Amino acid sequence: MRRQLTLSVCCAGAFLVALLGLPLANYFFPEFMATRVLGFTLTWLILGVLFFPFVWIIAWVFIKRSIALEDAETAEVVRSGRKQ
């Protein structure tokens, strides 16, 4: 359960960094965030194009790691059942 909690906190932390990082970057680095990249300002590129793939990656990592943790726990229960 601790490993699952650690995974959840790490994924939530990554999401919060993305969610709060953009407004903070706009506040502290307005000239840099106004830079044009591929026809968009950097702010809109991150918000409109890159934010959703980043969230999907976080979700994908969470699901894959969560399944791996559950499989490891199941294998451990099966092993301990055989020893008895």
Protein backbone atom coordinates (compact mmCIF):
# COMPACT_ATOMS: atom_id res chain seq x y z
CA MET A 1 0.00 0.00 0.00
CA ARG A 2 2.92 2.35 0.65
CA ARG A 3 4.29 1.80 -2.85
CA GLN A 4 0.87 2.60 -4.31
CA LEU A 5 0.69 5.76 -2.19
CA THR A 6 4.18 6.78 -3.29
CA LEU A 7 3.21 6.26 -6.92
CA SER A 8 0.02 8.30 -6.47
CA VAL A 9 1.84 11.16 -4.75
CA CYS A 10 4.54 11.24 -7.44
CA CYS A 11 1.98 11.34 -10.26
CA ALA A 12 -0.05 14.00 -8.47
CA GLY A 13 3.13 16.00 -7.92
CA ALA A 14 4.03 15.84 -11.60
CA PHE A 15 0.53 17.02 -12.50
CA LEU A 16 0.67 19.88 -10.00
CA VAL A 17 4.07 20.99 -11.31
CA ALA A 18 2.59 21.16 -14.80
CA LEU A 19 -0.59 22.84 -13.62
CA LEU A 20 1.07 25.46 -11.43
CA GLY A 21 4.29 25.77 -13.41
CA LEU A 22 2.73 27.49 -16.41
CA PRO A 23 1.20 30.44 -14.51
CA LEU A 24 4.39 30.81 -12.50
CA ALA A 25 6.52 30.75 -15.65
CA ASN A 26 4.25 33.39 -17.19
CA TYR A 27 4.58 35.54 -14.09
CA PHE A 28 8.34 35.25 -13.59
CA PHE A 29 9.47 34.93 -17.23
CA PRO A 30 6.95 36.85 -19.36
CA GLU A 31 9.42 37.67 -22.16
CA PHE A 32 10.55 34.07 -22.47
CA MET A 33 6.99 32.73 -22.44
CA ALA A 34 6.05 35.22 -25.19
CA THR A 35 8.64 33.65 -27.50
CA ARG A 36 7.09 32.34 -30.70
CA VAL A 37 7.52 28.63 -31.44
CA LEU A 38 5.82 27.03 -34.46
CA GLY A 39 3.52 30.04 -34.78
CA PHE A 40 2.37 29.94 -31.14
CA THR A 41 3.65 31.79 -28.13
CA LEU A 42 5.41 29.38 -25.81
CA THR A 43 2.55 29.75 -23.32
CA TRP A 44 -0.07 28.63 -25.82
CA LEU A 45 2.15 25.87 -27.19
CA ILE A 46 2.50 24.40 -23.71
CA LEU A 47 -1.13 24.96 -22.72
CA GLY A 48 -2.86 24.12 -25.98
CA VAL A 49 -0.60 21.46 -27.47
CA LEU A 50 1.70 19.90 -24.89
CA PHE A 51 -0.40 19.89 -21.72
CA PHE A 52 -2.81 17.10 -22.68
CA PRO A 53 -0.12 14.69 -23.95
CA PHE A 54 1.74 15.32 -20.69
CA VAL A 55 -1.37 14.44 -18.67
CA TRP A 56 -1.89 11.31 -20.80
CA ILE A 57 1.72 10.27 -20.14
CA ILE A 58 1.24 10.73 -16.39
CA ALA A 59 -1.92 8.61 -16.54
CA TRP A 60 -0.20 5.93 -18.65
CA VAL A 61 2.75 5.72 -16.23
CA PHE A 62 0.38 5.54 -13.27
CA ILE A 63 -1.67 2.72 -14.79
CA LYS A 64 1.38 0.69 -15.88
CA ARG A 65 3.13 1.03 -12.51
CA SER A 66 -0.09 0.38 -10.60
CA ILE A 67 -0.71 -2.84 -12.53
CA ALA A 68 2.91 -3.90 -11.95
CA LEU A 69 2.54 -3.25 -8.21
CA GLU A 70 -0.68 -5.28 -8.07
CA ASP A 71 0.92 -8.14 -10.00
CA ALA A 72 3.90 -8.14 -7.64
CA GLU A 73 1.60 -8.22 -4.63
CA THR A 74 -0.44 -11.07 -6.13
CA ALA A 75 2.73 -13.04 -6.84
CA GLU A 76 3.88 -12.47 -3.27
CA VAL A 77 0.57 -13.73 -1.87
CA VAL A 78 0.72 -16.80 -4.09
CA ARG A 79 4.31 -17.52 -3.00
CA SER A 80 3.46 -17.14 0.67
CA GLY A 81 0.42 -19.43 0.20
CA ARG A 82 2.63 -22.16 -1.27
CA LYS A 83 5.05 -22.01 1.66
CA GLN A 84 2.35 -22.72 4.24
